[in-house]
Amino acid sequence: MSQTTPTARVCRDCDGFATATITTGLRTIDGARDTIRVNCPNCQGLGRTAPATLVRAGK
């Protein structure tokens, strides 16, 4: 029987895509698009969450 590899829990809010880059519609001095990075508020940009037992224990 093969062994299974434990996987990290994927954030349910962002589904693992924790950071998005959004254009503001403006351009910088050199002509490139001005962008901002936005992180998922639930996982703070990690893409995964801690197991519930660790969250309850405060670890």
C-alpha atoms as a PDB file:
ATOM      1  CA  MET A   1       0.000   0.000   0.000  1.00  0.00           C
ATOM      2  CA  SER A   2       1.353   3.401  -0.921  1.00  0.00           C
ATOM      3  CA  GLN A   3       1.730   6.160   1.617  1.00  0.00           C
ATOM      4  CA  THR A   4      -0.069   9.429   1.173  1.00  0.00           C
ATOM      5  CA  THR A   5       1.717  12.716   1.492  1.00  0.00           C
ATOM      6  CA  PRO A   6       0.032  15.216   3.809  1.00  0.00           C
ATOM      7  CA  THR A   7      -0.901  18.351   1.918  1.00  0.00           C
ATOM      8  CA  ALA A   8      -1.233  21.876   3.234  1.00  0.00           C
ATOM      9  CA  ARG A   9      -4.778  23.068   3.746  1.00  0.00           C
ATOM     10  CA  VAL A  10      -5.778  25.422   0.958  1.00  0.00           C
ATOM     11  CA  CYS A  11      -7.469  28.640   2.038  1.00  0.00           C
ATOM     12  CA  ARG A  12     -11.196  28.356   1.383  1.00  0.00           C
ATOM     13  CA  ASP A  13     -11.584  32.070   0.670  1.00  0.00           C
ATOM     14  CA  CYS A  14      -8.948  32.449  -2.055  1.00  0.00           C
ATOM     15  CA  ASP A  15      -8.635  28.767  -3.107  1.00  0.00           C
ATOM     16  CA  GLY A  16      -4.827  29.011  -2.935  1.00  0.00           C
ATOM     17  CA  PHE A  17      -4.513  32.145  -5.082  1.00  0.00           C
ATOM     18  CA  ALA A  18      -3.624  34.375  -2.159  1.00  0.00           C
ATOM     19  CA  THR A  19      -2.247  37.477  -3.880  1.00  0.00           C
ATOM     20  CA  ALA A  20      -3.738  39.409  -6.771  1.00  0.00           C
ATOM     21  CA  THR A  21      -2.098  42.218  -8.742  1.00  0.00           C
ATOM     22  CA  ILE A  22      -4.511  44.920  -9.811  1.00  0.00           C
ATOM     23  CA  THR A  23      -3.819  47.766 -12.222  1.00  0.00           C
ATOM     24  CA  THR A  24      -4.877  51.220 -11.076  1.00  0.00           C
ATOM     25  CA  GLY A  25      -5.404  52.569 -14.578  1.00  0.00           C
ATOM     26  CA  LEU A  26      -2.498  54.968 -14.217  1.00  0.00           C
ATOM     27  CA  ARG A  27       1.010  54.822 -15.624  1.00  0.00           C
ATOM     28  CA  THR A  28       4.354  55.385 -13.939  1.00  0.00           C
ATOM     29  CA  ILE A  29       6.886  57.962 -15.142  1.00  0.00           C
ATOM     30  CA  ASP A  30       8.630  55.376 -17.356  1.00  0.00           C
ATOM     31  CA  GLY A  31       5.327  54.300 -18.984  1.00  0.00           C
ATOM     32  CA  ALA A  32       4.725  51.027 -17.133  1.00  0.00           C
ATOM     33  CA  ARG A  33       1.319  50.315 -15.646  1.00  0.00           C
ATOM     34  CA  ASP A  34       0.903  51.244 -11.990  1.00  0.00           C
ATOM     35  CA  THR A  35      -0.160  48.161 -10.013  1.00  0.00           C
ATOM     36  CA  ILE A  36      -0.992  47.266  -6.430  1.00  0.00           C
ATOM     37  CA  ARG A  37      -0.812  43.885  -4.705  1.00  0.00           C
ATOM     38  CA  VAL A  38      -3.782  42.711  -2.649  1.00  0.00           C
ATOM     39  CA  ASN A  39      -3.543  39.797  -0.214  1.00  0.00           C
ATOM     40  CA  CYS A  40      -6.343  37.519   0.922  1.00  0.00           C
ATOM     41  CA  PRO A  41      -7.602  38.831   4.285  1.00  0.00           C
ATOM     42  CA  ASN A  42      -8.153  35.316   5.660  1.00  0.00           C
ATOM     43  CA  CYS A  43      -4.705  33.775   5.059  1.00  0.00           C
ATOM     44  CA  GLN A  44      -2.696  37.050   4.780  1.00  0.00           C
ATOM     45  CA  GLY A  45      -1.279  36.061   1.389  1.00  0.00           C
ATOM     46  CA  LEU A  46      -0.069  32.547   2.280  1.00  0.00           C
ATOM     47  CA  GLY A  47      -2.645  30.561   0.303  1.00  0.00           C
ATOM     48  CA  ARG A  48      -3.118  28.059   3.104  1.00  0.00           C
ATOM     49  CA  THR A  49      -4.706  28.024   6.515  1.00  0.00           C
ATOM     50  CA  ALA A  50      -3.744  26.438   9.806  1.00  0.00           C
ATOM     51  CA  PRO A  51      -5.678  23.375  10.988  1.00  0.00           C
ATOM     52  CA  ALA A  52      -8.554  24.254  13.305  1.00  0.00           C
ATOM     53  CA  THR A  53      -6.898  22.498  16.246  1.00  0.00           C
ATOM     54  CA  LEU A  54      -3.919  24.871  16.067  1.00  0.00           C
ATOM     55  CA  VAL A  55      -6.156  27.916  15.767  1.00  0.00           C
ATOM     56  CA  ARG A  56      -8.149  26.939  18.856  1.00  0.00           C
ATOM     57  CA  ALA A  57      -4.997  26.188  20.839  1.00  0.00           C
ATOM     58  CA  GLY A  58      -3.568  29.595  19.938  1.00  0.00           C
ATOM     59  CA  LYS A  59      -0.344  28.194  18.434  1.00  0.00           C
END
